[in-house]
Full PDB file with SEQRES, HELIX, SHEET, SSBOND, CRYST1, ORIGX, SCALE, CONECT and MASTER records, all heavy atoms in Angstrom:
SEQRES   1 A   38  SER GLY SER PHE ALA GLY ALA CYS GLY MET ALA VAL GLY          
SEQRES   2 A   38  TYR PRO MET ASP THR VAL LYS VAL ARG ILE GLN THR GLN          
SEQRES   3 A   38  ASN GLN PHE THR GLY VAL TRP GLN CYS THR ARG ALA              
HELIX    1 AA1 GLY A    2  THR A   25  1                                  24    
HELIX    2 AA2 VAL A   32  ARG A   37  1                                   6    
CRYST1    1.000    1.000    1.000  90.00  90.00  90.00 P 1           1          
ORIGX1      1.000000  0.000000  0.000000        0.00000                         
ORIGX2      0.000000  1.000000  0.000000        0.00000                         
ORIGX3      0.000000  0.000000  1.000000        0.00000                         
SCALE1      1.000000  0.000000  0.000000        0.00000                         
SCALE2      0.000000  1.000000  0.000000        0.00000                         
SCALE3      0.000000  0.000000  1.000000        0.00000                         
ATOM      1  N   SER A   1       0.831  -1.212   0.000  1.00  0.00           N  
ATOM      2  CA  SER A   1       0.000   0.000   0.000  1.00  0.00           C  
ATOM      3  C   SER A   1       0.864   1.260   0.000  1.00  0.00           C  
ATOM      4  O   SER A   1       0.495   2.274  -0.612  1.00  0.00           O  
ATOM      5  CB  SER A   1      -0.940   0.000   1.208  1.00  0.00           C  
ATOM      6  OG  SER A   1      -0.234  -0.201   2.408  1.00  0.00           O  
ATOM      7  N   GLY A   2       2.023   1.206   0.653  1.00  0.00           N  
ATOM      8  CA  GLY A   2       2.938   2.344   0.644  1.00  0.00           C  
ATOM      9  C   GLY A   2       3.442   2.661  -0.747  1.00  0.00           C  
ATOM     10  O   GLY A   2       3.627   3.821  -1.115  1.00  0.00           O  
ATOM     11  N   SER A   3       3.652   1.619  -1.546  1.00  0.00           N  
ATOM     12  CA  SER A   3       4.122   1.803  -2.919  1.00  0.00           C  
ATOM     13  C   SER A   3       3.098   2.572  -3.754  1.00  0.00           C  
ATOM     14  O   SER A   3       3.434   3.550  -4.434  1.00  0.00           O  
ATOM     15  CB  SER A   3       4.387   0.431  -3.556  1.00  0.00           C  
ATOM     16  OG  SER A   3       4.736   0.557  -4.913  1.00  0.00           O  
ATOM     17  N   PHE A   4       1.841   2.157  -3.700  1.00  0.00           N  
ATOM     18  CA  PHE A   4       0.786   2.836  -4.459  1.00  0.00           C  
ATOM     19  C   PHE A   4       0.544   4.251  -3.930  1.00  0.00           C  
ATOM     20  O   PHE A   4       0.302   5.176  -4.706  1.00  0.00           O  
ATOM     21  CB  PHE A   4      -0.510   2.024  -4.400  1.00  0.00           C  
ATOM     22  CG  PHE A   4      -0.513   0.833  -5.307  1.00  0.00           C  
ATOM     23  CD1 PHE A   4      -0.191  -0.431  -4.830  1.00  0.00           C  
ATOM     24  CD2 PHE A   4      -0.822   0.963  -6.657  1.00  0.00           C  
ATOM     25  CE1 PHE A   4      -0.176  -1.538  -5.661  1.00  0.00           C  
ATOM     26  CE2 PHE A   4      -0.814  -0.137  -7.504  1.00  0.00           C  
ATOM     27  CZ  PHE A   4      -0.490  -1.396  -7.006  1.00  0.00           C  
ATOM     28  N   ALA A   5       0.618   4.416  -2.625  1.00  0.00           N  
ATOM     29  CA  ALA A   5       0.396   5.729  -2.017  1.00  0.00           C  
ATOM     30  C   ALA A   5       1.453   6.725  -2.488  1.00  0.00           C  
ATOM     31  O   ALA A   5       1.141   7.874  -2.826  1.00  0.00           O  
ATOM     32  CB  ALA A   5       0.413   5.613  -0.496  1.00  0.00           C  
ATOM     33  N   GLY A   6       2.715   6.290  -2.522  1.00  0.00           N  
ATOM     34  CA  GLY A   6       3.794   7.171  -2.964  1.00  0.00           C  
ATOM     35  C   GLY A   6       3.645   7.586  -4.410  1.00  0.00           C  
ATOM     36  O   GLY A   6       3.870   8.751  -4.770  1.00  0.00           O  
ATOM     37  N   ALA A   7       3.263   6.633  -5.271  1.00  0.00           N  
ATOM     38  CA  ALA A   7       3.087   6.934  -6.695  1.00  0.00           C  
ATOM     39  C   ALA A   7       1.949   7.938  -6.905  1.00  0.00           C  
ATOM     40  O   ALA A   7       2.074   8.875  -7.714  1.00  0.00           O  
ATOM     41  CB  ALA A   7       2.812   5.648  -7.469  1.00  0.00           C  
ATOM     42  N   CYS A   8       0.857   7.757  -6.190  1.00  0.00           N  
ATOM     43  CA  CYS A   8      -0.281   8.682  -6.308  1.00  0.00           C  
ATOM     44  C   CYS A   8       0.104  10.075  -5.828  1.00  0.00           C  
ATOM     45  O   CYS A   8      -0.257  11.088  -6.453  1.00  0.00           O  
ATOM     46  CB  CYS A   8      -1.468   8.169  -5.505  1.00  0.00           C  
ATOM     47  SG  CYS A   8      -2.232   6.674  -6.183  1.00  0.00           S  
ATOM     48  N   GLY A   9       0.854  10.139  -4.735  1.00  0.00           N  
ATOM     49  CA  GLY A   9       1.290  11.425  -4.210  1.00  0.00           C  
ATOM     50  C   GLY A   9       2.207  12.154  -5.177  1.00  0.00           C  
ATOM     51  O   GLY A   9       2.094  13.367  -5.368  1.00  0.00           O  
ATOM     52  N   MET A  10       3.111  11.423  -5.808  1.00  0.00           N  
ATOM     53  CA  MET A  10       4.031  12.048  -6.767  1.00  0.00           C  
ATOM     54  C   MET A  10       3.267  12.608  -7.960  1.00  0.00           C  
ATOM     55  O   MET A  10       3.570  13.707  -8.442  1.00  0.00           O  
ATOM     56  CB  MET A  10       5.072  11.049  -7.248  1.00  0.00           C  
ATOM     57  CG  MET A  10       5.859  11.536  -8.459  1.00  0.00           C  
ATOM     58  SD  MET A  10       7.420  10.700  -8.716  1.00  0.00           S  
ATOM     59  CE  MET A  10       8.493  11.746  -7.744  1.00  0.00           C  
ATOM     60  N   ALA A  11       2.292  11.856  -8.454  1.00  0.00           N  
ATOM     61  CA  ALA A  11       1.515  12.315  -9.604  1.00  0.00           C  
ATOM     62  C   ALA A  11       0.811  13.637  -9.301  1.00  0.00           C  
ATOM     63  O   ALA A  11       0.728  14.522 -10.155  1.00  0.00           O  
ATOM     64  CB  ALA A  11       0.486  11.253  -9.993  1.00  0.00           C  
ATOM     65  N   VAL A  12       0.336  13.796  -8.071  1.00  0.00           N  
ATOM     66  CA  VAL A  12      -0.362  15.015  -7.674  1.00  0.00           C  
ATOM     67  C   VAL A  12       0.603  16.191  -7.536  1.00  0.00           C  
ATOM     68  O   VAL A  12       0.305  17.314  -7.959  1.00  0.00           O  
ATOM     69  CB  VAL A  12      -1.106  14.799  -6.335  1.00  0.00           C  
ATOM     70  CG1 VAL A  12      -1.645  16.121  -5.792  1.00  0.00           C  
ATOM     71  CG2 VAL A  12      -2.240  13.809  -6.521  1.00  0.00           C  
ATOM     72  N   GLY A  13       1.779  15.942  -6.969  1.00  0.00           N  
ATOM     73  CA  GLY A  13       2.675  17.044  -6.621  1.00  0.00           C  
ATOM     74  C   GLY A  13       3.805  17.351  -7.578  1.00  0.00           C  
ATOM     75  O   GLY A  13       4.541  18.316  -7.367  1.00  0.00           O  
ATOM     76  N   TYR A  14       3.954  16.577  -8.657  1.00  0.00           N  
ATOM     77  CA  TYR A  14       5.133  16.734  -9.508  1.00  0.00           C  
ATOM     78  C   TYR A  14       5.264  18.114 -10.157  1.00  0.00           C  
ATOM     79  O   TYR A  14       6.367  18.671 -10.190  1.00  0.00           O  
ATOM     80  CB  TYR A  14       5.169  15.646 -10.586  1.00  0.00           C  
ATOM     81  CG  TYR A  14       6.550  15.441 -11.162  1.00  0.00           C  
ATOM     82  CD1 TYR A  14       7.468  14.596 -10.540  1.00  0.00           C  
ATOM     83  CD2 TYR A  14       6.951  16.107 -12.319  1.00  0.00           C  
ATOM     84  CE1 TYR A  14       8.735  14.416 -11.054  1.00  0.00           C  
ATOM     85  CE2 TYR A  14       8.221  15.935 -12.830  1.00  0.00           C  
ATOM     86  CZ  TYR A  14       9.106  15.087 -12.207  1.00  0.00           C  
ATOM     87  OH  TYR A  14      10.376  14.918 -12.714  1.00  0.00           O  
ATOM     88  N   PRO A  15       4.201  18.697 -10.715  1.00  0.00           N  
ATOM     89  CA  PRO A  15       4.363  20.029 -11.321  1.00  0.00           C  
ATOM     90  C   PRO A  15       4.919  21.071 -10.352  1.00  0.00           C  
ATOM     91  O   PRO A  15       5.818  21.844 -10.704  1.00  0.00           O  
ATOM     92  CB  PRO A  15       2.930  20.380 -11.756  1.00  0.00           C  
ATOM     93  CG  PRO A  15       2.284  19.059 -11.988  1.00  0.00           C  
ATOM     94  CD  PRO A  15       2.839  18.167 -10.912  1.00  0.00           C  
ATOM     95  N   MET A  16       4.410  21.088  -9.118  1.00  0.00           N  
ATOM     96  CA  MET A  16       4.916  22.044  -8.130  1.00  0.00           C  
ATOM     97  C   MET A  16       6.325  21.688  -7.690  1.00  0.00           C  
ATOM     98  O   MET A  16       7.119  22.565  -7.337  1.00  0.00           O  
ATOM     99  CB  MET A  16       3.971  22.111  -6.928  1.00  0.00           C  
ATOM    100  CG  MET A  16       2.711  22.922  -7.187  1.00  0.00           C  
ATOM    101  SD  MET A  16       1.716  23.183  -5.698  1.00  0.00           S  
ATOM    102  CE  MET A  16       0.892  21.597  -5.579  1.00  0.00           C  
ATOM    103  N   ASP A  17       6.678  20.407  -7.732  1.00  0.00           N  
ATOM    104  CA  ASP A  17       8.036  19.989  -7.398  1.00  0.00           C  
ATOM    105  C   ASP A  17       9.022  20.522  -8.430  1.00  0.00           C  
ATOM    106  O   ASP A  17      10.132  20.937  -8.077  1.00  0.00           O  
ATOM    107  CB  ASP A  17       8.119  18.462  -7.334  1.00  0.00           C  
ATOM    108  CG  ASP A  17       9.479  17.979  -6.862  1.00  0.00           C  
ATOM    109  OD1 ASP A  17       9.811  18.208  -5.685  1.00  0.00           O  
ATOM    110  OD2 ASP A  17      10.222  17.388  -7.671  1.00  0.00           O  
ATOM    111  N   THR A  18       8.630  20.519  -9.697  1.00  0.00           N  
ATOM    112  CA  THR A  18       9.489  21.066 -10.757  1.00  0.00           C  
ATOM    113  C   THR A  18       9.750  22.546 -10.521  1.00  0.00           C  
ATOM    114  O   THR A  18      10.902  23.012 -10.619  1.00  0.00           O  
ATOM    115  CB  THR A  18       8.825  20.865 -12.135  1.00  0.00           C  
ATOM    116  OG1 THR A  18       8.685  19.463 -12.383  1.00  0.00           O  
ATOM    117  CG2 THR A  18       9.655  21.496 -13.244  1.00  0.00           C  
ATOM    118  N   VAL A  19       8.711  23.297 -10.201  1.00  0.00           N  
ATOM    119  CA  VAL A  19       8.868  24.723  -9.912  1.00  0.00           C  
ATOM    120  C   VAL A  19       9.770  24.922  -8.702  1.00  0.00           C  
ATOM    121  O   VAL A  19      10.665  25.785  -8.703  1.00  0.00           O  
ATOM    122  CB  VAL A  19       7.484  25.374  -9.670  1.00  0.00           C  
ATOM    123  CG1 VAL A  19       7.646  26.827  -9.222  1.00  0.00           C  
ATOM    124  CG2 VAL A  19       6.642  25.308 -10.932  1.00  0.00           C  
ATOM    125  N   LYS A  20       9.584  24.099  -7.686  1.00  0.00           N  
ATOM    126  CA  LYS A  20      10.388  24.191  -6.463  1.00  0.00           C  
ATOM    127  C   LYS A  20      11.873  23.994  -6.744  1.00  0.00           C  
ATOM    128  O   LYS A  20      12.729  24.769  -6.314  1.00  0.00           O  
ATOM    129  CB  LYS A  20       9.900  23.152  -5.462  1.00  0.00           C  
ATOM    130  CG  LYS A  20      10.642  23.127  -4.142  1.00  0.00           C  
ATOM    131  CD  LYS A  20      11.585  21.974  -3.930  1.00  0.00           C  
ATOM    132  CE  LYS A  20      11.090  20.610  -4.248  1.00  0.00           C  
ATOM    133  NZ  LYS A  20      12.058  19.550  -3.925  1.00  0.00           N  
ATOM    134  N   VAL A  21      12.201  22.956  -7.499  1.00  0.00           N  
ATOM    135  CA  VAL A  21      13.602  22.642  -7.805  1.00  0.00           C  
ATOM    136  C   VAL A  21      14.240  23.765  -8.613  1.00  0.00           C  
ATOM    137  O   VAL A  21      15.390  24.147  -8.372  1.00  0.00           O  
ATOM    138  CB  VAL A  21      13.702  21.303  -8.561  1.00  0.00           C  
ATOM    139  CG1 VAL A  21      15.116  21.087  -9.099  1.00  0.00           C  
ATOM    140  CG2 VAL A  21      13.326  20.152  -7.641  1.00  0.00           C  
ATOM    141  N   ARG A  22      13.509  24.312  -9.573  1.00  0.00           N  
ATOM    142  CA  ARG A  22      14.070  25.388 -10.401  1.00  0.00           C  
ATOM    143  C   ARG A  22      14.331  26.651  -9.590  1.00  0.00           C  
ATOM    144  O   ARG A  22      15.346  27.330  -9.785  1.00  0.00           O  
ATOM    145  CB  ARG A  22      13.124  25.680 -11.574  1.00  0.00           C  
ATOM    146  CG  ARG A  22      13.077  24.539 -12.580  1.00  0.00           C  
ATOM    147  CD  ARG A  22      12.251  24.855 -13.814  1.00  0.00           C  
ATOM    148  NE  ARG A  22      12.371  23.775 -14.789  1.00  0.00           N  
ATOM    149  CZ  ARG A  22      11.925  23.840 -16.030  1.00  0.00           C  
ATOM    150  NH1 ARG A  22      11.313  24.932 -16.453  1.00  0.00           N  
ATOM    151  NH2 ARG A  22      12.086  22.813 -16.855  1.00  0.00           N  
ATOM    152  N   ILE A  23      13.429  26.964  -8.672  1.00  0.00           N  
ATOM    153  CA  ILE A  23      13.623  28.141  -7.823  1.00  0.00           C  
ATOM    154  C   ILE A  23      14.840  27.957  -6.918  1.00  0.00           C  
ATOM    155  O   ILE A  23      15.611  28.895  -6.683  1.00  0.00           O  
ATOM    156  CB  ILE A  23      12.357  28.409  -6.983  1.00  0.00           C  
ATOM    157  CG1 ILE A  23      11.220  28.902  -7.876  1.00  0.00           C  
ATOM    158  CG2 ILE A  23      12.635  29.440  -5.892  1.00  0.00           C  
ATOM    159  CD1 ILE A  23       9.899  29.041  -7.157  1.00  0.00           C  
ATOM    160  N   GLN A  24      15.026  26.739  -6.424  1.00  0.00           N  
ATOM    161  CA  GLN A  24      16.137  26.458  -5.518  1.00  0.00           C  
ATOM    162  C   GLN A  24      17.503  26.540  -6.194  1.00  0.00           C  
ATOM    163  O   GLN A  24      18.494  26.879  -5.562  1.00  0.00           O  
ATOM    164  CB  GLN A  24      15.974  25.056  -4.911  1.00  0.00           C  
ATOM    165  CG  GLN A  24      14.885  24.937  -3.874  1.00  0.00           C  
ATOM    166  CD  GLN A  24      14.745  23.512  -3.362  1.00  0.00           C  
ATOM    167  OE1 GLN A  24      15.175  22.563  -4.008  1.00  0.00           O  
ATOM    168  NE2 GLN A  24      14.135  23.359  -2.200  1.00  0.00           N  
ATOM    169  N   THR A  25      17.553  26.206  -7.472  1.00  0.00           N  
ATOM    170  CA  THR A  25      18.852  26.006  -8.126  1.00  0.00           C  
ATOM    171  C   THR A  25      19.205  27.018  -9.209  1.00  0.00           C  
ATOM    172  O   THR A  25      20.364  27.103  -9.597  1.00  0.00           O  
ATOM    173  CB  THR A  25      18.908  24.602  -8.762  1.00  0.00           C  
ATOM    174  OG1 THR A  25      17.836  24.472  -9.714  1.00  0.00           O  
ATOM    175  CG2 THR A  25      18.773  23.521  -7.707  1.00  0.00           C  
ATOM    176  N   GLN A  26      18.239  27.783  -9.711  1.00  0.00           N  
ATOM    177  CA  GLN A  26      18.515  28.675 -10.836  1.00  0.00           C  
ATOM    178  C   GLN A  26      18.066  30.102 -10.529  1.00  0.00           C  
ATOM    179  O   GLN A  26      16.885  30.352 -10.268  1.00  0.00           O  
ATOM    180  CB  GLN A  26      17.811  28.160 -12.103  1.00  0.00           C  
ATOM    181  CG  GLN A  26      18.258  26.743 -12.486  1.00  0.00           C  
ATOM    182  CD  GLN A  26      17.587  26.265 -13.752  1.00  0.00           C  
ATOM    183  OE1 GLN A  26      17.474  26.999 -14.736  1.00  0.00           O  
ATOM    184  NE2 GLN A  26      17.127  25.013 -13.748  1.00  0.00           N  
ATOM    185  N   ASN A  27      19.013  31.016 -10.568  1.00  0.00           N  
ATOM    186  CA  ASN A  27      18.740  32.408 -10.206  1.00  0.00           C  
ATOM    187  C   ASN A  27      17.864  33.132 -11.228  1.00  0.00           C  
ATOM    188  O   ASN A  27      17.367  34.221 -10.943  1.00  0.00           O  
ATOM    189  CB  ASN A  27      20.056  33.168 -10.027  1.00  0.00           C  
ATOM    190  CG  ASN A  27      20.821  32.696  -8.802  1.00  0.00           C  
ATOM    191  OD1 ASN A  27      20.224  32.278  -7.816  1.00  0.00           O  
ATOM    192  ND2 ASN A  27      22.139  32.754  -8.854  1.00  0.00           N  
ATOM    193  N   GLN A  28      17.682  32.553 -12.415  1.00  0.00           N  
ATOM    194  CA  GLN A  28      16.836  33.183 -13.422  1.00  0.00           C  
ATOM    195  C   GLN A  28      15.371  33.179 -13.019  1.00  0.00           C  
ATOM    196  O   GLN A  28      14.563  33.935 -13.556  1.00  0.00           O  
ATOM    197  CB  GLN A  28      17.004  32.466 -14.769  1.00  0.00           C  
ATOM    198  CG  GLN A  28      16.411  31.057 -14.808  1.00  0.00           C  
ATOM    199  CD  GLN A  28      16.773  30.308 -16.069  1.00  0.00           C  
ATOM    200  OE1 GLN A  28      17.876  29.808 -16.237  1.00  0.00           O  
ATOM    201  NE2 GLN A  28      15.816  30.237 -16.977  1.00  0.00           N  
ATOM    202  N   PHE A  29      15.029  32.325 -12.055  1.00  0.00           N  
ATOM    203  CA  PHE A  29      13.659  32.265 -11.557  1.00  0.00           C  
ATOM    204  C   PHE A  29      13.586  32.981 -10.215  1.00  0.00           C  
ATOM    205  O   PHE A  29      14.249  32.593  -9.252  1.00  0.00           O  
ATOM    206  CB  PHE A  29      13.202  30.819 -11.418  1.00  0.00           C  
ATOM    207  CG  PHE A  29      13.235  30.057 -12.727  1.00  0.00           C  
ATOM    208  CD1 PHE A  29      14.095  28.991 -12.901  1.00  0.00           C  
ATOM    209  CD2 PHE A  29      12.416  30.421 -13.781  1.00  0.00           C  
ATOM    210  CE1 PHE A  29      14.140  28.288 -14.095  1.00  0.00           C  
ATOM    211  CE2 PHE A  29      12.448  29.738 -14.981  1.00  0.00           C  
ATOM    212  CZ  PHE A  29      13.317  28.670 -15.151  1.00  0.00           C  
ATOM    213  N   THR A  30      12.769  34.030 -10.163  1.00  0.00           N  
ATOM    214  CA  THR A  30      12.739  34.884  -8.974  1.00  0.00           C  
ATOM    215  C   THR A  30      11.587  34.583  -8.028  1.00  0.00           C  
ATOM    216  O   THR A  30      11.551  35.096  -6.914  1.00  0.00           O  
ATOM    217  CB  THR A  30      12.638  36.359  -9.411  1.00  0.00           C  
ATOM    218  OG1 THR A  30      11.483  36.525 -10.243  1.00  0.00           O  
ATOM    219  CG2 THR A  30      13.885  36.759 -10.208  1.00  0.00           C  
ATOM    220  N   GLY A  31      10.633  33.776  -8.459  1.00  0.00           N  
ATOM    221  CA  GLY A  31       9.499  33.459  -7.602  1.00  0.00           C  
ATOM    222  C   GLY A  31       8.638  32.378  -8.217  1.00  0.00           C  
ATOM    223  O   GLY A  31       8.866  31.948  -9.354  1.00  0.00           O  
ATOM    224  N   VAL A  32       7.639  31.965  -7.466  1.00  0.00           N  
ATOM    225  CA  VAL A  32       6.787  30.858  -7.903  1.00  0.00           C  
ATOM    226  C   VAL A  32       6.038  31.195  -9.181  1.00  0.00           C  
ATOM    227  O   VAL A  32       6.065  30.437 -10.161  1.00  0.00           O  
ATOM    228  CB  VAL A  32       5.772  30.493  -6.789  1.00  0.00           C  
ATOM    229  CG1 VAL A  32       4.790  29.438  -7.298  1.00  0.00           C  
ATOM    230  CG2 VAL A  32       6.499  29.990  -5.553  1.00  0.00           C  
ATOM    231  N   TRP A  33       5.368  32.354  -9.213  1.00  0.00           N  
ATOM    232  CA  TRP A  33       4.551  32.696 -10.372  1.00  0.00           C  
ATOM    233  C   TRP A  33       5.408  33.005 -11.589  1.00  0.00           C  
ATOM    234  O   TRP A  33       5.063  32.626 -12.718  1.00  0.00           O  
ATOM    235  CB  TRP A  33       3.629  33.880 -10.045  1.00  0.00           C  
ATOM    236  CG  TRP A  33       2.679  33.575  -8.931  1.00  0.00           C  
ATOM    237  CD1 TRP A  33       2.605  34.184  -7.719  1.00  0.00           C  
ATOM    238  CD2 TRP A  33       1.677  32.553  -8.933  1.00  0.00           C  
ATOM    239  NE1 TRP A  33       1.632  33.603  -6.944  1.00  0.00           N  
ATOM    240  CE2 TRP A  33       1.041  32.603  -7.663  1.00  0.00           C  
ATOM    241  CE3 TRP A  33       1.259  31.607  -9.857  1.00  0.00           C  
ATOM    242  CZ2 TRP A  33       0.007  31.744  -7.312  1.00  0.00           C  
ATOM    243  CZ3 TRP A  33       0.235  30.736  -9.514  1.00  0.00           C  
ATOM    244  CH2 TRP A  33      -0.390  30.818  -8.264  1.00  0.00           C  
ATOM    245  N   GLN A  34       6.537  33.678 -11.369  1.00  0.00           N  
ATOM    246  CA  GLN A  34       7.431  33.978 -12.491  1.00  0.00           C  
ATOM    247  C   GLN A  34       7.990  32.694 -13.087  1.00  0.00           C  
ATOM    248  O   GLN A  34       8.069  32.534 -14.314  1.00  0.00           O  
ATOM    249  CB  GLN A  34       8.570  34.885 -12.005  1.00  0.00           C  
ATOM    250  CG  GLN A  34       9.512  35.355 -13.112  1.00  0.00           C  
ATOM    251  CD  GLN A  34      10.715  34.448 -13.285  1.00  0.00           C  
ATOM    252  OE1 GLN A  34      11.059  33.689 -12.388  1.00  0.00           O  
ATOM    253  NE2 GLN A  34      11.348  34.524 -14.460  1.00  0.00           N  
ATOM    254  N   CYS A  35       8.361  31.745 -12.239  1.00  0.00           N  
ATOM    255  CA  CYS A  35       8.884  30.463 -12.705  1.00  0.00           C  
ATOM    256  C   CYS A  35       7.801  29.665 -13.433  1.00  0.00           C  
ATOM    257  O   CYS A  35       8.061  29.058 -14.482  1.00  0.00           O  
ATOM    258  CB  CYS A  35       9.424  29.658 -11.519  1.00  0.00           C  
ATOM    259  SG  CYS A  35      10.106  28.051 -11.968  1.00  0.00           S  
ATOM    260  N   THR A  36       6.596  29.684 -12.887  1.00  0.00           N  
ATOM    261  CA  THR A  36       5.483  28.961 -13.510  1.00  0.00           C  
ATOM    262  C   THR A  36       5.183  29.519 -14.898  1.00  0.00           C  
ATOM    263  O   THR A  36       5.025  28.773 -15.868  1.00  0.00           O  
ATOM    264  CB  THR A  36       4.223  29.049 -12.626  1.00  0.00           C  
ATOM    265  OG1 THR A  36       4.514  28.506 -11.331  1.00  0.00           O  
ATOM    266  CG2 THR A  36       3.072  28.272 -13.250  1.00  0.00           C  
ATOM    267  N   ARG A  37       5.105  30.862 -15.001  1.00  0.00           N  
ATOM    268  CA  ARG A  37       4.826  31.490 -16.292  1.00  0.00           C  
ATOM    269  C   ARG A  37       5.932  31.211 -17.299  1.00  0.00           C  
ATOM    270  O   ARG A  37       5.661  30.878 -18.456  1.00  0.00           O  
ATOM    271  CB  ARG A  37       4.653  33.008 -16.115  1.00  0.00           C  
ATOM    272  CG  ARG A  37       3.340  33.425 -15.503  1.00  0.00           C  
ATOM    273  CD  ARG A  37       3.089  34.920 -15.716  1.00  0.00           C  
ATOM    274  NE  ARG A  37       4.217  35.720 -15.228  1.00  0.00           N  
ATOM    275  CZ  ARG A  37       4.319  36.194 -13.992  1.00  0.00           C  
ATOM    276  NH1 ARG A  37       3.356  35.931 -13.111  1.00  0.00           N  
ATOM    277  NH2 ARG A  37       5.347  36.930 -13.630  1.00  0.00           N  
ATOM    278  N   ALA A  38       7.181  31.350 -16.853  1.00  0.00           N  
ATOM    279  CA  ALA A  38       8.310  31.144 -17.756  1.00  0.00           C  
ATOM    280  C   ALA A  38       8.377  29.701 -18.251  1.00  0.00           C  
ATOM    281  O   ALA A  38       8.647  29.439 -19.430  1.00  0.00           O  
ATOM    282  CB  ALA A  38       9.616  31.515 -17.046  1.00  0.00           C  
TER     283      ALA A  38                                                      
MASTER        0    0    0    2    0    0    0    6  282    1    0    3          
END                                                                             
């Protein structure tokens, strides 16, 4: 059940995780909305 739960959670949160990683590592992104739009 933990395996299925983790996969479902990742599917829900992956887009925001991408924005999070880019903000953390790349100075060209100045905020959540700017990164999302770009």
